[in-house]
Structures are given as structure tokens and as C-alpha cells.
Amino acid sequence: MEEILTQEMKDTIAALGTLIKADPRHAAIQAAIAEYERCEELNGMIAEYNTQQNLLSDAFAKTQEGDENGEELRDTIQNRIDQLYDEITNHPVYTAYVDAKNAFDALTNEVYAELQFVITGSRPCSHDCSSCGGSCQH
């Protein structure tokens, strides 16, 4: 297979990767992922949430097949799904993960945007033309 990147490009990308890995946001997302994976309580809730979603799909299928007693079961399952969703999204391990992910995503998105600017000479428009001076012409 033909090499697309030159060695100089690969070396420059590796240097950038090293800088990004040295950023505290990288360490924060790695720590948050590890904690998320270790948290039995959170993972148990997520497993139950997924099971309840499958049960809800089955309940809807039975109702479509003519089972008239399924509506109450669907409501019970949906209420449990809603409760689990709230518990999961408010769990401190989950919120720490989301916060770390958002911070790291902001960093990598800025890197991509800067790379695009260096290559093209224009910055991506945020659809708020005040950020690009109207040069995006979207």
C-alpha cells in the first residue's frame, strides 16, 4: 500500500499527540473512563436500563399483535426506564465522565479547527457569522 503521509508529517503528528497527552484534560478523561468502567453501581443501572429498553420493545410488539393487557406493562416499564435514566445521568461518576469528555472533546475540536485553518486559511463557521466576519457565506 502506498504511503500517504511523509515521515515528517508522521513525526509532526506524533509530536502533537505527545502535547495533547500531556494536557491535563487527557489525564482527566482517562481517569473518568477508568472510574466509569470500575463503578459497579453505575454499570448495574446501565445494564438494567438496557434490559428495560428491550422489555419495552417486546411489550410494544405484543400490543401490536393484539395483546390488550400490554399498555399497563408498557407504562410500568417506561416509568422504570425514566427513573433509571435520571439516576444514571445524575450519578456523580457519570457526570464526572461527561464533564471530562466535554472538556477533552473541546480540546480535540480546537486542534482539528486549527489544523483546518492552517491548511485552508479559513476557520470553520459556527453558523454565527460574527465568528467568521461573514466570510463563510453560508
Protein backbone atom coordinates (compact mmCIF):
# COMPACT_ATOMS: atom_id res chain seq x y z
CA MET A 1 0.00 0.00 0.00
CA GLU A 2 1.29 3.43 -0.91
CA GLU A 3 2.31 5.71 1.94
CA ILE A 4 0.18 8.83 2.03
CA LEU A 5 1.88 10.69 4.87
CA THR A 6 5.53 11.61 4.72
CA GLN A 7 7.77 10.74 7.65
CA GLU A 8 7.99 14.43 8.51
CA MET A 9 4.17 14.59 8.69
CA LYS A 10 4.07 11.49 10.91
CA ASP A 11 6.74 12.93 13.19
CA THR A 12 4.87 16.23 13.49
CA ILE A 13 1.61 14.42 14.25
CA ALA A 14 3.40 12.31 16.88
CA ALA A 15 4.76 15.48 18.49
CA LEU A 16 1.27 16.98 18.56
CA GLY A 17 -0.09 13.76 20.06
CA THR A 18 2.53 13.95 22.78
CA LEU A 19 1.49 17.53 23.59
CA ILE A 20 -2.18 16.54 23.74
CA LYS A 21 -1.42 13.57 26.00
CA ALA A 22 0.48 15.95 28.32
CA ASP A 23 -2.59 18.20 28.64
CA PRO A 24 -4.45 17.71 31.94
CA ARG A 25 -7.72 17.19 30.04
CA HIS A 26 -6.28 13.96 28.61
CA ALA A 27 -5.44 12.65 32.07
CA ALA A 28 -8.88 13.72 33.30
CA ILE A 29 -10.76 11.82 30.58
CA GLN A 30 -8.61 8.72 31.09
CA ALA A 31 -9.28 8.80 34.84
CA ALA A 32 -13.01 9.37 34.27
CA ILE A 33 -13.20 6.43 31.84
CA ALA A 34 -11.41 4.17 34.31
CA GLU A 35 -13.74 5.21 37.15
CA TYR A 36 -16.79 4.75 34.90
CA GLU A 37 -15.67 1.23 34.00
CA ARG A 38 -14.99 0.33 37.66
CA CYS A 39 -18.25 1.65 39.06
CA GLU A 40 -20.39 -1.44 39.63
CA GLU A 41 -23.38 0.59 40.78
CA LEU A 42 -23.45 2.70 37.62
CA ASN A 43 -22.81 -0.24 35.32
CA GLY A 44 -25.59 -2.18 37.03
CA MET A 45 -28.02 0.65 36.40
CA ILE A 46 -26.94 0.86 32.76
CA ALA A 47 -27.37 -2.89 32.32
CA GLU A 48 -30.86 -2.71 33.82
CA TYR A 49 -31.69 0.31 31.65
CA ASN A 50 -30.73 -1.66 28.52
CA THR A 51 -32.76 -4.67 29.70
CA GLN A 52 -35.78 -2.47 30.35
CA GLN A 53 -35.44 -0.97 26.85
CA ASN A 54 -35.56 -4.49 25.39
CA LEU A 55 -38.58 -5.36 27.54
CA LEU A 56 -40.34 -2.22 26.33
CA SER A 57 -39.71 -3.19 22.72
CA ASP A 58 -41.14 -6.64 23.41
CA ALA A 59 -44.18 -5.11 25.12
CA PHE A 60 -44.84 -2.87 22.11
CA ALA A 61 -44.56 -5.87 19.78
CA LYS A 62 -47.07 -7.84 21.86
CA THR A 63 -49.50 -4.92 21.83
CA GLN A 64 -49.26 -4.75 18.04
CA GLU A 65 -50.03 -8.48 17.96
CA GLY A 66 -53.32 -7.79 19.76
CA ASP A 67 -52.38 -8.24 23.42
CA GLU A 68 -54.63 -5.64 25.06
CA ASN A 69 -53.11 -6.03 28.54
CA GLY A 70 -49.77 -4.65 27.37
CA GLU A 71 -50.49 -0.95 27.90
CA GLU A 72 -50.17 -1.10 31.69
CA LEU A 73 -46.98 -3.16 31.39
CA ARG A 74 -45.53 -0.65 28.90
CA ASP A 75 -46.29 2.23 31.28
CA THR A 76 -44.62 0.40 34.18
CA ILE A 77 -41.53 -0.35 32.11
CA GLN A 78 -41.37 3.21 30.75
CA ASN A 79 -41.60 4.63 34.27
CA ARG A 80 -38.69 2.42 35.36
CA ILE A 81 -36.68 3.48 32.29
CA ASP A 82 -37.29 7.13 33.12
CA GLN A 83 -36.26 6.58 36.74
CA LEU A 84 -33.08 4.75 35.70
CA TYR A 85 -32.23 7.47 33.18
CA ASP A 86 -32.46 10.13 35.88
CA GLU A 87 -30.37 8.05 38.30
CA ILE A 88 -27.71 7.35 35.66
CA THR A 89 -27.42 10.91 34.35
CA ASN A 90 -27.24 12.31 37.89
CA HIS A 91 -24.75 9.74 39.18
CA PRO A 92 -21.51 11.52 40.18
CA VAL A 93 -19.32 9.09 38.23
CA TYR A 94 -21.40 9.63 35.10
CA THR A 95 -21.45 13.42 35.43
CA ALA A 96 -17.68 13.48 36.03
CA TYR A 97 -17.23 11.39 32.88
CA VAL A 98 -19.46 13.71 30.81
CA ASP A 99 -17.65 16.79 32.09
CA ALA A 100 -14.22 15.31 31.32
CA LYS A 101 -15.38 14.12 27.90
CA ASN A 102 -16.78 17.54 27.01
CA ALA A 103 -13.54 19.24 28.05
CA PHE A 104 -11.38 16.79 26.08
CA ASP A 105 -13.70 16.99 23.04
CA ALA A 106 -13.41 20.79 23.14
CA LEU A 107 -9.61 20.44 23.06
CA THR A 108 -9.58 17.99 20.15
CA ASN A 109 -12.18 20.00 18.22
CA GLU A 110 -9.99 23.08 18.62
CA VAL A 111 -6.98 21.10 17.34
CA TYR A 112 -8.97 19.98 14.28
CA ALA A 113 -10.20 23.52 13.65
CA GLU A 114 -6.68 24.94 13.92
CA LEU A 115 -5.34 22.28 11.56
CA GLN A 116 -8.09 23.11 9.07
CA PHE A 117 -7.21 26.80 9.37
CA VAL A 118 -3.52 26.13 8.79
CA ILE A 119 -4.31 24.02 5.71
CA THR A 120 -7.11 26.12 4.17
CA GLY A 121 -6.57 29.59 5.57
CA SER A 122 -10.15 29.78 6.83
CA ARG A 123 -11.74 28.93 10.11
CA PRO A 124 -14.85 26.76 10.29
CA CYS A 125 -18.00 28.80 10.79
CA SER A 126 -20.09 28.23 13.89
CA HIS A 127 -23.15 29.41 11.92
CA ASP A 128 -22.87 32.64 13.84
CA CYS A 129 -21.29 34.82 11.18
CA SER A 130 -19.92 37.16 13.82
CA SER A 131 -17.29 34.48 14.50
CA CYS A 132 -16.01 34.49 10.93
CA GLY A 133 -16.82 38.03 9.85
CA GLY A 134 -19.27 36.77 7.25
CA SER A 135 -16.58 35.19 5.10
CA CYS A 136 -18.18 31.76 5.31
CA GLN A 137 -21.05 32.73 3.02
CA HIS A 138 -23.32 30.04 4.42
